[in-house]
Protein backbone atom coordinates (compact mmCIF):
# COMPACT_ATOMS: atom_id res chain seq x y z
CA UNK A 1 -9.43 14.68 -5.59
CA UNK A 2 -6.90 14.75 -2.52
CA UNK A 3 -7.51 17.52 -1.43
CA UNK A 4 -11.27 16.32 -1.14
CA UNK A 5 -10.33 13.32 0.51
CA UNK A 6 -8.64 14.93 3.50
CA UNK A 7 -11.66 16.99 3.64
CA UNK A 8 -14.04 14.04 4.17
CA UNK A 9 -11.87 13.23 6.60
CA UNK A 10 -11.78 16.10 8.68
CA UNK A 11 -15.34 16.27 8.10
CA UNK A 12 -16.00 13.12 10.31
CA UNK A 13 -13.44 14.14 12.78
CA UNK A 14 -15.09 17.58 12.94
CA UNK A 15 -19.15 16.55 12.22
CA UNK A 16 -19.66 13.37 13.62
CA UNK A 17 -22.54 13.87 16.40
CA UNK A 18 -21.13 12.42 20.13
CA UNK A 19 -24.48 10.36 20.71
CA UNK A 20 -22.33 8.34 17.94
CA UNK A 21 -19.72 7.06 19.95
CA UNK A 22 -20.09 5.27 22.93
CA UNK A 23 -16.51 5.68 24.12
CA UNK A 24 -13.84 7.63 23.36
CA UNK A 25 -11.45 4.47 23.05
CA UNK A 26 -13.36 4.15 20.07
CA UNK A 27 -12.22 3.59 17.01
CA UNK A 28 -14.21 3.74 13.53
CA UNK A 29 -12.36 2.60 10.57
CA UNK A 30 -13.36 3.97 6.73
CA UNK A 31 -11.70 3.14 3.29
CA UNK A 32 -12.71 6.04 0.89
CA UNK A 33 -13.51 5.07 -2.82
CA UNK A 34 -9.75 6.16 -4.24
CA UNK A 35 -8.22 3.73 -1.05
CA UNK A 36 -7.09 6.12 1.44
CA UNK A 37 -7.44 4.49 4.66
CA UNK A 38 -9.10 6.63 7.68
CA UNK A 39 -8.55 6.39 11.43
CA UNK A 40 -11.43 8.09 13.41
CA UNK A 41 -11.40 8.62 17.11
CA UNK A 42 -14.25 11.27 18.88
CA UNK A 43 -13.04 12.66 21.90
CA UNK A 44 -14.22 16.44 22.92
CA UNK A 45 -12.07 16.91 26.38
CA UNK A 46 -10.24 19.31 24.71
CA UNK A 47 -10.79 22.02 22.12
CA UNK A 48 -8.22 20.35 19.57
CA UNK A 49 -7.61 17.84 16.84
CA UNK A 50 -4.86 15.52 15.82
CA UNK A 51 -3.56 14.33 12.62
CA UNK A 52 -1.24 11.69 11.29
CA UNK A 53 -0.65 10.92 8.36
CA UNK A 54 1.67 7.34 7.17
CA UNK A 55 3.11 7.07 4.10
CA UNK A 56 3.45 3.60 2.67
CA UNK A 57 7.35 4.55 2.30
CA UNK A 58 10.36 3.24 4.74
CA UNK A 59 12.94 1.04 3.89
CA UNK A 60 10.65 -2.16 3.31
CA UNK A 61 9.50 -0.64 0.02
CA UNK A 62 13.07 0.55 -1.57
CA UNK A 63 15.28 -1.61 -3.77
CA UNK A 64 18.75 -1.09 -3.17
CA UNK A 65 18.61 1.40 -6.50
CA UNK A 66 16.10 3.94 -4.30
CA UNK A 67 17.27 3.08 -0.54
CA UNK A 68 17.25 5.98 1.86
CA UNK A 69 14.52 7.75 -0.87
CA UNK A 70 11.79 7.51 1.72
CA UNK A 71 13.73 9.53 4.69
CA UNK A 72 15.68 11.56 1.76
CA UNK A 73 11.74 13.07 0.69
CA UNK A 74 11.05 13.37 4.74
CA UNK A 75 13.45 16.24 4.59
CA UNK A 76 12.18 17.36 1.60
CA UNK A 77 8.65 17.57 2.77
CA UNK A 78 9.65 19.63 5.62
CA UNK A 79 11.68 22.20 3.21
CA UNK A 80 8.52 22.53 1.28
CA UNK A 81 7.79 24.68 -1.80
CA UNK A 82 4.19 24.47 -3.74
CA UNK A 83 1.99 26.58 -5.59
CA UNK A 84 0.87 28.38 -2.41
CA UNK A 85 3.48 27.98 -0.17
CA UNK A 86 6.75 29.45 -0.26
CA UNK A 87 9.98 27.17 0.89
CA UNK A 88 10.09 26.81 4.76
CA UNK A 89 6.70 28.76 4.81
CA UNK A 90 4.65 25.75 5.70
CA UNK A 91 6.69 25.03 9.28
CA UNK A 92 6.86 28.78 10.09
CA UNK A 93 3.21 29.09 9.77
CA UNK A 94 2.11 25.78 11.88
CA UNK A 95 3.48 27.93 14.54
CA UNK A 96 1.14 30.09 14.60
CA UNK A 97 -1.87 28.34 14.13
CA UNK A 98 -0.69 24.79 15.69
CA UNK A 99 1.90 22.52 16.25
CA UNK A 100 3.57 20.60 13.55
CA UNK A 101 4.65 17.55 15.28
CA UNK A 102 7.61 16.95 12.63
CA UNK A 103 8.07 13.65 10.85
CA UNK A 104 9.98 10.60 11.15
CA UNK A 105 10.83 7.45 8.86
CA UNK A 106 10.84 3.78 9.89
CA UNK A 107 11.08 0.46 7.86
CA UNK A 108 7.70 0.40 7.30
CA UNK A 109 6.20 3.82 6.98
CA UNK A 110 6.81 7.68 7.05
CA UNK A 111 4.69 9.67 9.27
CA UNK A 112 3.90 13.23 9.90
CA UNK A 113 1.62 15.18 11.71
CA UNK A 114 -0.01 18.10 13.55
CA UNK A 115 -2.06 19.30 16.59
CA UNK A 116 -4.23 22.19 16.23
CA UNK A 117 -7.32 24.24 17.65
CA UNK A 118 -10.61 23.31 16.72
CA UNK A 119 -11.26 26.78 15.17
CA UNK A 120 -7.43 26.50 13.23
CA UNK A 121 -8.34 23.27 12.11
CA UNK A 122 -9.02 24.29 8.50
CA UNK A 123 -5.76 26.02 7.70
CA UNK A 124 -3.37 23.72 9.53
CA UNK A 125 -4.98 21.17 7.51
CA UNK A 126 -5.00 22.90 4.34
CA UNK A 127 -1.23 23.77 4.97
CA UNK A 128 -0.31 20.63 5.95
CA UNK A 129 -2.14 18.35 3.03
CA UNK A 130 -0.67 21.16 0.70
CA UNK A 131 3.03 20.63 1.99
CA UNK A 132 2.32 16.76 1.83
CA UNK A 133 0.54 16.53 -1.71
CA UNK A 134 1.73 18.89 -3.57
CA UNK A 135 5.60 19.46 -3.04
CA UNK A 136 7.44 20.33 -6.08
CA UNK A 137 10.54 18.59 -6.67
CA UNK A 138 13.08 20.39 -8.07
CA UNK A 139 16.98 19.96 -8.31
CA UNK A 140 17.70 23.01 -5.82
CA UNK A 141 15.46 21.55 -3.50
CA UNK A 142 17.28 18.04 -3.62
CA UNK A 143 20.58 19.35 -3.48
CA UNK A 144 20.46 21.86 -0.80
CA UNK A 145 18.61 18.53 1.58
CA UNK A 146 21.48 16.40 0.54
CA UNK A 147 24.43 17.93 2.85
CA UNK A 148 21.89 17.87 5.77
CA UNK A 149 20.95 14.18 4.93
CA UNK A 150 24.33 12.70 4.40
CA UNK A 151 25.53 14.29 7.89
CA UNK A 152 23.21 12.39 9.61
CA UNK A 153 24.74 9.29 7.43
CA UNK A 154 27.96 9.96 8.20
CA UNK A 155 27.17 10.79 12.19
CA UNK A 156 25.68 6.67 12.29
CA UNK A 157 29.07 6.09 10.57
CA UNK A 158 30.78 7.84 13.69
CA UNK A 159 28.83 6.07 16.03
CA UNK A 160 29.72 2.00 17.06
CA UNK A 161 25.82 1.58 18.16
CA UNK A 162 24.97 2.71 15.40
CA UNK A 163 27.33 0.61 13.10
CA UNK A 164 26.47 -2.41 15.61
CA UNK A 165 22.53 -2.47 15.18
CA UNK A 166 22.75 -1.93 11.08
CA UNK A 167 25.02 -4.92 11.42
CA UNK A 168 22.45 -6.88 13.30
CA UNK A 169 19.92 -5.80 11.22
CA UNK A 170 21.70 -7.54 8.33
CA UNK A 171 22.53 -10.79 9.91
CA UNK A 172 18.76 -11.18 10.85
CA UNK A 173 17.08 -10.03 8.17
CA UNK A 174 19.50 -11.23 5.34
CA UNK A 175 16.81 -12.41 2.80
CA UNK A 176 14.05 -9.60 3.90
CA UNK A 177 13.84 -5.74 2.81
CA UNK A 178 14.71 -4.68 6.60
CA UNK A 179 18.40 -5.74 5.87
CA UNK A 180 18.49 -2.44 4.16
CA UNK A 181 18.81 0.53 7.02
CA UNK A 182 16.61 3.61 6.82
CA UNK A 183 19.10 6.13 6.31
CA UNK A 184 19.72 3.90 2.76
CA UNK A 185 22.99 3.84 0.90
CA UNK A 186 25.61 6.43 0.32
CA UNK A 187 25.70 6.10 -3.65
CA UNK A 188 22.01 6.71 -3.80
CA UNK A 189 21.86 9.82 -1.49
CA UNK A 190 24.61 11.34 -3.14
CA UNK A 191 23.31 10.16 -6.91
CA UNK A 192 20.05 10.00 -7.07
CA UNK A 193 18.50 12.41 -10.39
CA UNK A 194 15.53 14.41 -9.99
CA UNK A 195 13.65 11.75 -12.47
CA UNK A 196 14.41 9.66 -9.84
CA UNK A 197 12.78 11.47 -6.91
CA UNK A 198 10.12 12.81 -8.64
CA UNK A 199 8.53 9.11 -9.88
CA UNK A 200 9.19 8.00 -6.40
CA UNK A 201 7.18 10.84 -5.13
CA UNK A 202 4.21 10.22 -7.78
CA UNK A 203 4.16 6.58 -6.73
CA UNK A 204 4.16 6.44 -2.67
CA UNK A 205 2.41 10.11 -1.98
CA UNK A 206 -1.48 9.04 -3.65
CA UNK A 207 -4.12 8.58 -1.12
CA UNK A 208 -4.44 4.47 -2.06
CA UNK A 209 -0.72 4.37 0.08
CA UNK A 210 -1.76 6.59 2.73
CA UNK A 211 -3.48 6.37 6.52
CA UNK A 212 -4.58 9.33 7.75
CA UNK A 213 -5.84 9.16 11.80
CA UNK A 214 -7.68 12.16 13.59
CA UNK A 215 -8.43 12.70 17.11
CA UNK A 216 -10.10 15.09 18.40
């Protein structure tokens, strides 16, 4: 059902008649029956399609016990590993079929995207959807990425400008979820269980927690 949702969205982008769009700036908004929201812009100036998916996961959505897991999952997604693609295969193959544009995590969402020639879009889409939605979280993957995430955490602790920014956040948003930094709490990064990771993924990486934007 998830793959079908992305396929429906792709059909809008690839097959929509040019006459239906009066201006390349027009944004078509759709909501699928499963809750996935679509933002579509038809633009034929180049034989390319760009896609971004926004997951409703960021520090705003995390309790103290989950603080930092949205960002941590960004790392796990890029390591990858599903029934169809081995670990690290997704990013290598995307260099062949298009441009995998990386990802980022904010207070409000986590974003992933790619740009691909129209002729390669079908493969780019299935590889991306598979990487985003069919990750197999394992203890080995969590452990491998834990060191990388902790290095980011420590870099922030070593930079005075970051520490000042974090302090300002906590003062400004004292009673608001924004007071928790995107990088998260050290204790959560170091000790979150595999069961917690799996539940986190199952609750957030689902269609009704996503917005898909397509331009092409």
